[in-house]
PDB file of N, CA and C in Angstrom:
ATOM      1  N   MET A   1      -2.334  -3.116 -17.922  1.00  0.00           N
ATOM      2  CA  MET A   1      -1.860  -3.568 -16.605  1.00  0.00           C
ATOM      3  C   MET A   1      -3.000  -3.649 -15.680  1.00  0.00           C
ATOM      4  N   SER A   2      -3.122  -4.824 -14.934  1.00  0.00           N
ATOM      5  CA  SER A   2      -4.200  -4.973 -14.122  1.00  0.00           C
ATOM      6  C   SER A   2      -3.954  -4.255 -12.753  1.00  0.00           C
ATOM      7  N   HIS A   3      -5.058  -4.195 -11.986  1.00  0.00           N
ATOM      8  CA  HIS A   3      -4.950  -3.500 -10.744  1.00  0.00           C
ATOM      9  C   HIS A   3      -3.948  -4.238  -9.741  1.00  0.00           C
ATOM     10  N   GLU A   4      -3.908  -5.426  -9.772  1.00  0.00           N
ATOM     11  CA  GLU A   4      -3.039  -6.417  -9.058  1.00  0.00           C
ATOM     12  C   GLU A   4      -1.598  -6.143  -9.428  1.00  0.00           C
ATOM     13  N   GLN A   5      -1.235  -6.104 -10.685  1.00  0.00           N
ATOM     14  CA  GLN A   5       0.088  -5.725 -11.235  1.00  0.00           C
ATOM     15  C   GLN A   5       0.358  -4.397 -10.781  1.00  0.00           C
ATOM     16  N   ASN A   6      -0.434  -3.364 -10.849  1.00  0.00           N
ATOM     17  CA  ASN A   6      -0.151  -2.105 -10.511  1.00  0.00           C
ATOM     18  C   ASN A   6       0.182  -1.966  -8.931  1.00  0.00           C
ATOM     19  N   ASP A   7      -0.524  -2.849  -8.146  1.00  0.00           N
ATOM     20  CA  ASP A   7      -0.195  -2.855  -6.666  1.00  0.00           C
ATOM     21  C   ASP A   7       1.163  -3.410  -6.468  1.00  0.00           C
ATOM     22  N   GLN A   8       1.457  -4.496  -7.203  1.00  0.00           N
ATOM     23  CA  GLN A   8       2.723  -5.214  -6.895  1.00  0.00           C
ATOM     24  C   GLN A   8       3.901  -4.286  -7.450  1.00  0.00           C
ATOM     25  N   ASP A   9       3.555  -3.454  -8.520  1.00  0.00           N
ATOM     26  CA  ASP A   9       4.630  -2.429  -8.949  1.00  0.00           C
ATOM     27  C   ASP A   9       4.843  -1.447  -7.838  1.00  0.00           C
ATOM     28  N   ARG A  10       3.902  -0.984  -7.187  1.00  0.00           N
ATOM     29  CA  ARG A  10       4.053   0.044  -6.304  1.00  0.00           C
ATOM     30  C   ARG A  10       4.785  -0.521  -5.042  1.00  0.00           C
ATOM     31  N   VAL A  11       4.502  -1.773  -4.628  1.00  0.00           N
ATOM     32  CA  VAL A  11       5.210  -2.389  -3.525  1.00  0.00           C
ATOM     33  C   VAL A  11       6.608  -2.577  -3.900  1.00  0.00           C
ATOM     34  N   GLU A  12       6.939  -3.041  -5.138  1.00  0.00           N
ATOM     35  CA  GLU A  12       8.342  -3.353  -5.393  1.00  0.00           C
ATOM     36  C   GLU A  12       9.199  -1.888  -5.444  1.00  0.00           C
ATOM     37  N   SER A  13       8.439  -0.833  -5.867  1.00  0.00           N
ATOM     38  CA  SER A  13       9.043   0.472  -6.027  1.00  0.00           C
ATOM     39  C   SER A  13       9.315   0.969  -4.577  1.00  0.00           C
ATOM     40  N   ARG A  14       8.339   0.778  -3.646  1.00  0.00           N
ATOM     41  CA  ARG A  14       8.430   1.198  -2.347  1.00  0.00           C
ATOM     42  C   ARG A  14       9.485   0.403  -1.468  1.00  0.00           C
ATOM     43  N   SER A  15       9.507  -0.900  -1.856  1.00  0.00           N
ATOM     44  CA  SER A  15      10.382  -1.703  -0.953  1.00  0.00           C
ATOM     45  C   SER A  15      11.913  -1.416  -1.038  1.00  0.00           C
ATOM     46  N   HIS A  16      12.260  -0.529  -1.894  1.00  0.00           N
ATOM     47  CA  HIS A  16      13.607  -0.120  -1.837  1.00  0.00           C
ATOM     48  C   HIS A  16      13.864   0.879  -0.638  1.00  0.00           C
ATOM     49  N   LEU A  17      14.603   0.502   0.439  1.00  0.00           N
ATOM     50  CA  LEU A  17      14.455   1.095   1.704  1.00  0.00           C
ATOM     51  C   LEU A  17      15.107   2.536   1.547  1.00  0.00           C
ATOM     52  N   LEU A  18      14.531   3.472   2.242  1.00  0.00           N
ATOM     53  CA  LEU A  18      15.155   4.769   2.366  1.00  0.00           C
ATOM     54  C   LEU A  18      16.144   4.759   3.291  1.00  0.00           C
ATOM     55  N   PRO A  19      17.305   5.659   3.234  1.00  0.00           N
ATOM     56  CA  PRO A  19      18.305   5.569   4.053  1.00  0.00           C
ATOM     57  C   PRO A  19      18.181   5.387   5.514  1.00  0.00           C
ATOM     58  N   GLU A  20      17.106   6.017   6.087  1.00  0.00           N
ATOM     59  CA  GLU A  20      16.689   5.877   7.515  1.00  0.00           C
ATOM     60  C   GLU A  20      16.282   4.406   7.861  1.00  0.00           C
ATOM     61  N   GLU A  21      15.401   3.872   6.830  1.00  0.00           N
ATOM     62  CA  GLU A  21      14.908   2.534   6.970  1.00  0.00           C
ATOM     63  C   GLU A  21      16.034   1.455   6.919  1.00  0.00           C
ATOM     64  N   ALA A  22      17.077   1.770   6.049  1.00  0.00           N
ATOM     65  CA  ALA A  22      18.244   0.868   5.820  1.00  0.00           C
ATOM     66  C   ALA A  22      18.977   0.890   7.146  1.00  0.00           C
ATOM     67  N   ALA A  23      19.265   2.004   7.652  1.00  0.00           N
ATOM     68  CA  ALA A  23      20.009   2.094   8.923  1.00  0.00           C
ATOM     69  C   ALA A  23      19.342   1.300  10.108  1.00  0.00           C
ATOM     70  N   ALA A  24      17.950   1.390  10.091  1.00  0.00           N
ATOM     71  CA  ALA A  24      17.189   0.646  11.106  1.00  0.00           C
ATOM     72  C   ALA A  24      17.098  -0.897  10.769  1.00  0.00           C
ATOM     73  N   GLY A  25      17.192  -1.133   9.585  1.00  0.00           N
ATOM     74  CA  GLY A  25      17.120  -2.589   9.130  1.00  0.00           C
ATOM     75  C   GLY A  25      15.613  -3.008   8.978  1.00  0.00           C
ATOM     76  N   SER A  26      15.371  -3.937   8.066  1.00  0.00           N
ATOM     77  CA  SER A  26      14.164  -4.403   7.787  1.00  0.00           C
ATOM     78  C   SER A  26      14.221  -6.052   7.492  1.00  0.00           C
ATOM     79  N   ASP A  27      13.540  -6.799   8.152  1.00  0.00           N
ATOM     80  CA  ASP A  27      13.358  -8.226   7.785  1.00  0.00           C
ATOM     81  C   ASP A  27      12.836  -8.520   6.460  1.00  0.00           C
ATOM     82  N   ASP A  28      11.920  -7.759   6.165  1.00  0.00           N
ATOM     83  CA  ASP A  28      11.109  -8.034   5.035  1.00  0.00           C
ATOM     84  C   ASP A  28      10.655  -6.721   4.268  1.00  0.00           C
ATOM     85  N   PRO A  29      11.471  -6.096   3.454  1.00  0.00           N
ATOM     86  CA  PRO A  29      11.217  -4.764   2.830  1.00  0.00           C
ATOM     87  C   PRO A  29       9.869  -4.786   2.087  1.00  0.00           C
ATOM     88  N   GLU A  30       9.518  -5.852   1.399  1.00  0.00           N
ATOM     89  CA  GLU A  30       8.359  -5.905   0.666  1.00  0.00           C
ATOM     90  C   GLU A  30       7.175  -5.913   1.445  1.00  0.00           C
ATOM     91  N   ALA A  31       7.108  -6.623   2.546  1.00  0.00           N
ATOM     92  CA  ALA A  31       5.928  -6.693   3.405  1.00  0.00           C
ATOM     93  C   ALA A  31       5.854  -5.259   4.125  1.00  0.00           C
ATOM     94  N   GLN A  32       6.974  -4.691   4.442  1.00  0.00           N
ATOM     95  CA  GLN A  32       6.938  -3.281   5.142  1.00  0.00           C
ATOM     96  C   GLN A  32       6.359  -2.340   4.129  1.00  0.00           C
ATOM     97  N   ALA A  33       6.721  -2.471   2.825  1.00  0.00           N
ATOM     98  CA  ALA A  33       6.223  -1.539   1.720  1.00  0.00           C
ATOM     99  C   ALA A  33       4.664  -1.609   1.619  1.00  0.00           C
ATOM    100  N   ASP A  34       4.379  -3.054   1.599  1.00  0.00           N
ATOM    101  CA  ASP A  34       2.791  -3.287   1.455  1.00  0.00           C
ATOM    102  C   ASP A  34       1.944  -2.606   2.478  1.00  0.00           C
ATOM    103  N   VAL A  35       2.486  -2.720   3.772  1.00  0.00           N
ATOM    104  CA  VAL A  35       1.790  -2.199   4.889  1.00  0.00           C
ATOM    105  C   VAL A  35       1.717  -0.562   4.829  1.00  0.00           C
ATOM    106  N   ILE A  36       2.928   0.043   4.469  1.00  0.00           N
ATOM    107  CA  ILE A  36       2.969   1.418   4.331  1.00  0.00           C
ATOM    108  C   ILE A  36       2.077   1.944   3.232  1.00  0.00           C
ATOM    109  N   LEU A  37       1.942   1.138   2.096  1.00  0.00           N
ATOM    110  CA  LEU A  37       1.080   1.756   1.031  1.00  0.00           C
ATOM    111  C   LEU A  37      -0.309   1.417   1.373  1.00  0.00           C
ATOM    112  N   THR A  38      -0.681   0.287   1.991  1.00  0.00           N
ATOM    113  CA  THR A  38      -2.106   0.136   2.305  1.00  0.00           C
ATOM    114  C   THR A  38      -2.521   1.139   3.422  1.00  0.00           C
ATOM    115  N   GLU A  39      -1.726   1.453   4.306  1.00  0.00           N
ATOM    116  CA  GLU A  39      -2.280   2.664   5.316  1.00  0.00           C
ATOM    117  C   GLU A  39      -2.177   3.999   4.706  1.00  0.00           C
ATOM    118  N   SER A  40      -1.404   4.154   3.636  1.00  0.00           N
ATOM    119  CA  SER A  40      -1.351   5.311   2.917  1.00  0.00           C
ATOM    120  C   SER A  40      -2.816   5.489   2.128  1.00  0.00           C
ATOM    121  N   ASP A  41      -3.143   4.400   1.571  1.00  0.00           N
ATOM    122  CA  ASP A  41      -4.343   4.439   0.705  1.00  0.00           C
ATOM    123  C   ASP A  41      -5.633   4.676   1.696  1.00  0.00           C
ATOM    124  N   ILE A  42      -5.584   3.993   2.860  1.00  0.00           N
ATOM    125  CA  ILE A  42      -6.631   4.151   3.803  1.00  0.00           C
ATOM    126  C   ILE A  42      -6.844   5.691   4.196  1.00  0.00           C
ATOM    127  N   ARG A  43      -5.681   6.380   4.457  1.00  0.00           N
ATOM    128  CA  ARG A  43      -5.548   7.815   4.941  1.00  0.00           C
ATOM    129  C   ARG A  43      -6.061   8.602   3.754  1.00  0.00           C
ATOM    130  N   GLU A  44      -5.720   8.366   2.534  1.00  0.00           N
ATOM    131  CA  GLU A  44      -5.976   9.075   1.373  1.00  0.00           C
ATOM    132  C   GLU A  44      -7.575   9.124   1.188  1.00  0.00           C
ATOM    133  N   ASP A  45      -8.183   8.188   1.352  1.00  0.00           N
ATOM    134  CA  ASP A  45      -9.740   8.112   1.149  1.00  0.00           C
ATOM    135  C   ASP A  45     -10.680   8.526   2.190  1.00  0.00           C
ATOM    136  N   ARG A  46      -9.978   8.930   3.267  1.00  0.00           N
ATOM    137  CA  ARG A  46     -10.801   9.120   4.511  1.00  0.00           C
ATOM    138  C   ARG A  46     -11.594  10.562   4.426  1.00  0.00           C
ATOM    139  N   ASN A  47     -12.849  10.479   4.313  1.00  0.00           N
ATOM    140  CA  ASN A  47     -13.892  11.531   4.553  1.00  0.00           C
ATOM    141  C   ASN A  47     -13.337  12.739   3.872  1.00  0.00           C
ATOM    142  N   VAL A  48     -13.033  12.747   2.660  1.00  0.00           N
ATOM    143  CA  VAL A  48     -12.707  14.048   1.906  1.00  0.00           C
ATOM    144  C   VAL A  48     -13.916  14.788   1.617  1.00  0.00           C
ATOM    145  N   ALA A  49     -13.948  16.069   1.361  1.00  0.00           N
ATOM    146  CA  ALA A  49     -14.964  16.869   1.145  1.00  0.00           C
ATOM    147  C   ALA A  49     -15.333  16.533  -0.380  1.00  0.00           C
ATOM    148  N   PRO A  50     -16.620  16.792  -0.801  1.00  0.00           N
ATOM    149  CA  PRO A  50     -17.063  16.420  -2.205  1.00  0.00           C
ATOM    150  C   PRO A  50     -16.328  17.137  -3.268  1.00  0.00           C
ATOM    151  N   ASP A  51     -15.824  18.334  -2.883  1.00  0.00           N
ATOM    152  CA  ASP A  51     -15.231  19.097  -3.948  1.00  0.00           C
ATOM    153  C   ASP A  51     -13.747  19.169  -3.856  1.00  0.00           C
ATOM    154  N   THR A  52     -13.207  18.240  -3.078  1.00  0.00           N
ATOM    155  CA  THR A  52     -11.782  17.991  -2.788  1.00  0.00           C
ATOM    156  C   THR A  52     -11.184  17.255  -4.039  1.00  0.00           C
ATOM    157  N   THR A  53     -10.085  17.837  -4.386  1.00  0.00           N
ATOM    158  CA  THR A  53      -9.247  17.158  -5.500  1.00  0.00           C
ATOM    159  C   THR A  53      -7.898  16.594  -4.899  1.00  0.00           C
ATOM    160  N   LEU A  54      -7.896  15.183  -5.006  1.00  0.00           N
ATOM    161  CA  LEU A  54      -6.714  14.667  -4.495  1.00  0.00           C
ATOM    162  C   LEU A  54      -5.533  14.739  -5.525  1.00  0.00           C
ATOM    163  N   GLU A  55      -4.378  15.202  -5.138  1.00  0.00           N
ATOM    164  CA  GLU A  55      -3.346  15.300  -6.116  1.00  0.00           C
ATOM    165  C   GLU A  55      -2.260  14.186  -5.727  1.00  0.00           C
ATOM    166  N   HIS A  56      -1.752  13.534  -6.730  1.00  0.00           N
ATOM    167  CA  HIS A  56      -0.681  12.475  -6.548  1.00  0.00           C
ATOM    168  C   HIS A  56       0.608  13.124  -7.045  1.00  0.00           C
ATOM    169  N   ARG A  57       1.555  13.434  -6.177  1.00  0.00           N
ATOM    170  CA  ARG A  57       2.718  13.964  -6.512  1.00  0.00           C
ATOM    171  C   ARG A  57       3.832  13.215  -5.721  1.00  0.00           C
ATOM    172  N   THR A  58       5.081  13.196  -6.280  1.00  0.00           N
ATOM    173  CA  THR A  58       6.105  12.672  -5.671  1.00  0.00           C
ATOM    174  C   THR A  58       6.834  13.752  -4.889  1.00  0.00           C
ATOM    175  N   SER A  59       7.697  13.243  -3.854  1.00  0.00           N
ATOM    176  CA  SER A  59       8.265  14.267  -3.021  1.00  0.00           C
ATOM    177  C   SER A  59       9.170  15.218  -3.804  1.00  0.00           C
ATOM    178  N   ASP A  60       9.793  15.042  -4.884  1.00  0.00           N
ATOM    179  CA  ASP A  60      10.568  15.821  -5.676  1.00  0.00           C
ATOM    180  C   ASP A  60       9.751  16.852  -6.345  1.00  0.00           C
ATOM    181  N   GLN A  61       8.401  16.661  -6.443  1.00  0.00           N
ATOM    182  CA  GLN A  61       7.468  17.770  -7.029  1.00  0.00           C
ATOM    183  C   GLN A  61       6.990  18.726  -5.912  1.00  0.00           C
ATOM    184  N   THR A  62       7.156  18.325  -4.687  1.00  0.00           N
ATOM    185  CA  THR A  62       6.643  19.155  -3.592  1.00  0.00           C
ATOM    186  C   THR A  62       7.626  19.868  -2.726  1.00  0.00           C
ATOM    187  N   VAL A  63       8.929  19.383  -2.734  1.00  0.00           N
ATOM    188  CA  VAL A  63       9.934  20.027  -1.906  1.00  0.00           C
ATOM    189  C   VAL A  63      11.072  20.475  -2.709  1.00  0.00           C
ATOM    190  N   THR A  64      11.591  21.602  -2.381  1.00  0.00           N
ATOM    191  CA  THR A  64      12.808  22.165  -2.972  1.00  0.00           C
ATOM    192  C   THR A  64      13.877  21.850  -2.235  1.00  0.00           C
ATOM    193  N   PRO A  65      14.757  20.931  -2.860  1.00  0.00           N
ATOM    194  CA  PRO A  65      16.015  20.502  -2.178  1.00  0.00           C
ATOM    195  C   PRO A  65      17.008  21.624  -1.763  1.00  0.00           C
ATOM    196  N   ASN A  66      17.314  21.623  -0.544  1.00  0.00           N
ATOM    197  CA  ASN A  66      18.326  22.527   0.004  1.00  0.00           C
ATOM    198  C   ASN A  66      19.798  22.404  -0.418  1.00  0.00           C
ATOM    199  N   GLU A  67      20.115  21.002  -0.603  1.00  0.00           N
ATOM    200  CA  GLU A  67      21.303  20.589  -1.145  1.00  0.00           C
ATOM    201  C   GLU A  67      21.318  19.433  -2.149  1.00  0.00           C
ATOM    202  N   PRO A  68      22.177  19.154  -2.854  1.00  0.00           N
ATOM    203  CA  PRO A  68      22.202  18.098  -3.849  1.00  0.00           C
ATOM    204  C   PRO A  68      21.938  16.733  -3.243  1.00  0.00           C
ATOM    205  N   PRO A  69      21.318  15.868  -4.045  1.00  0.00           N
ATOM    206  CA  PRO A  69      21.127  14.447  -3.388  1.00  0.00           C
ATOM    207  C   PRO A  69      22.533  13.778  -3.280  1.00  0.00           C
ATOM    208  N   ASP A  70      22.406  12.771  -2.325  1.00  0.00           N
ATOM    209  CA  ASP A  70      23.718  12.036  -2.146  1.00  0.00           C
ATOM    210  C   ASP A  70      23.910  11.031  -3.216  1.00  0.00           C
TER     211      ASP A  70
END
């Protein structure tokens, strides 16, 4: 898989609106996802300490749900 395909897969995956986003509406979910992921990538790379290890986890790996999903 090329880098460009990987980015497109990320955008397609993120373009599925969260309930809060769906309630607010979106004219272009894919463009919105692209911007969100680009900003996230910028924040991720910002001035980390040399011995810092970046972990890539999904929210279900970091949060214990209080109630079952809808």
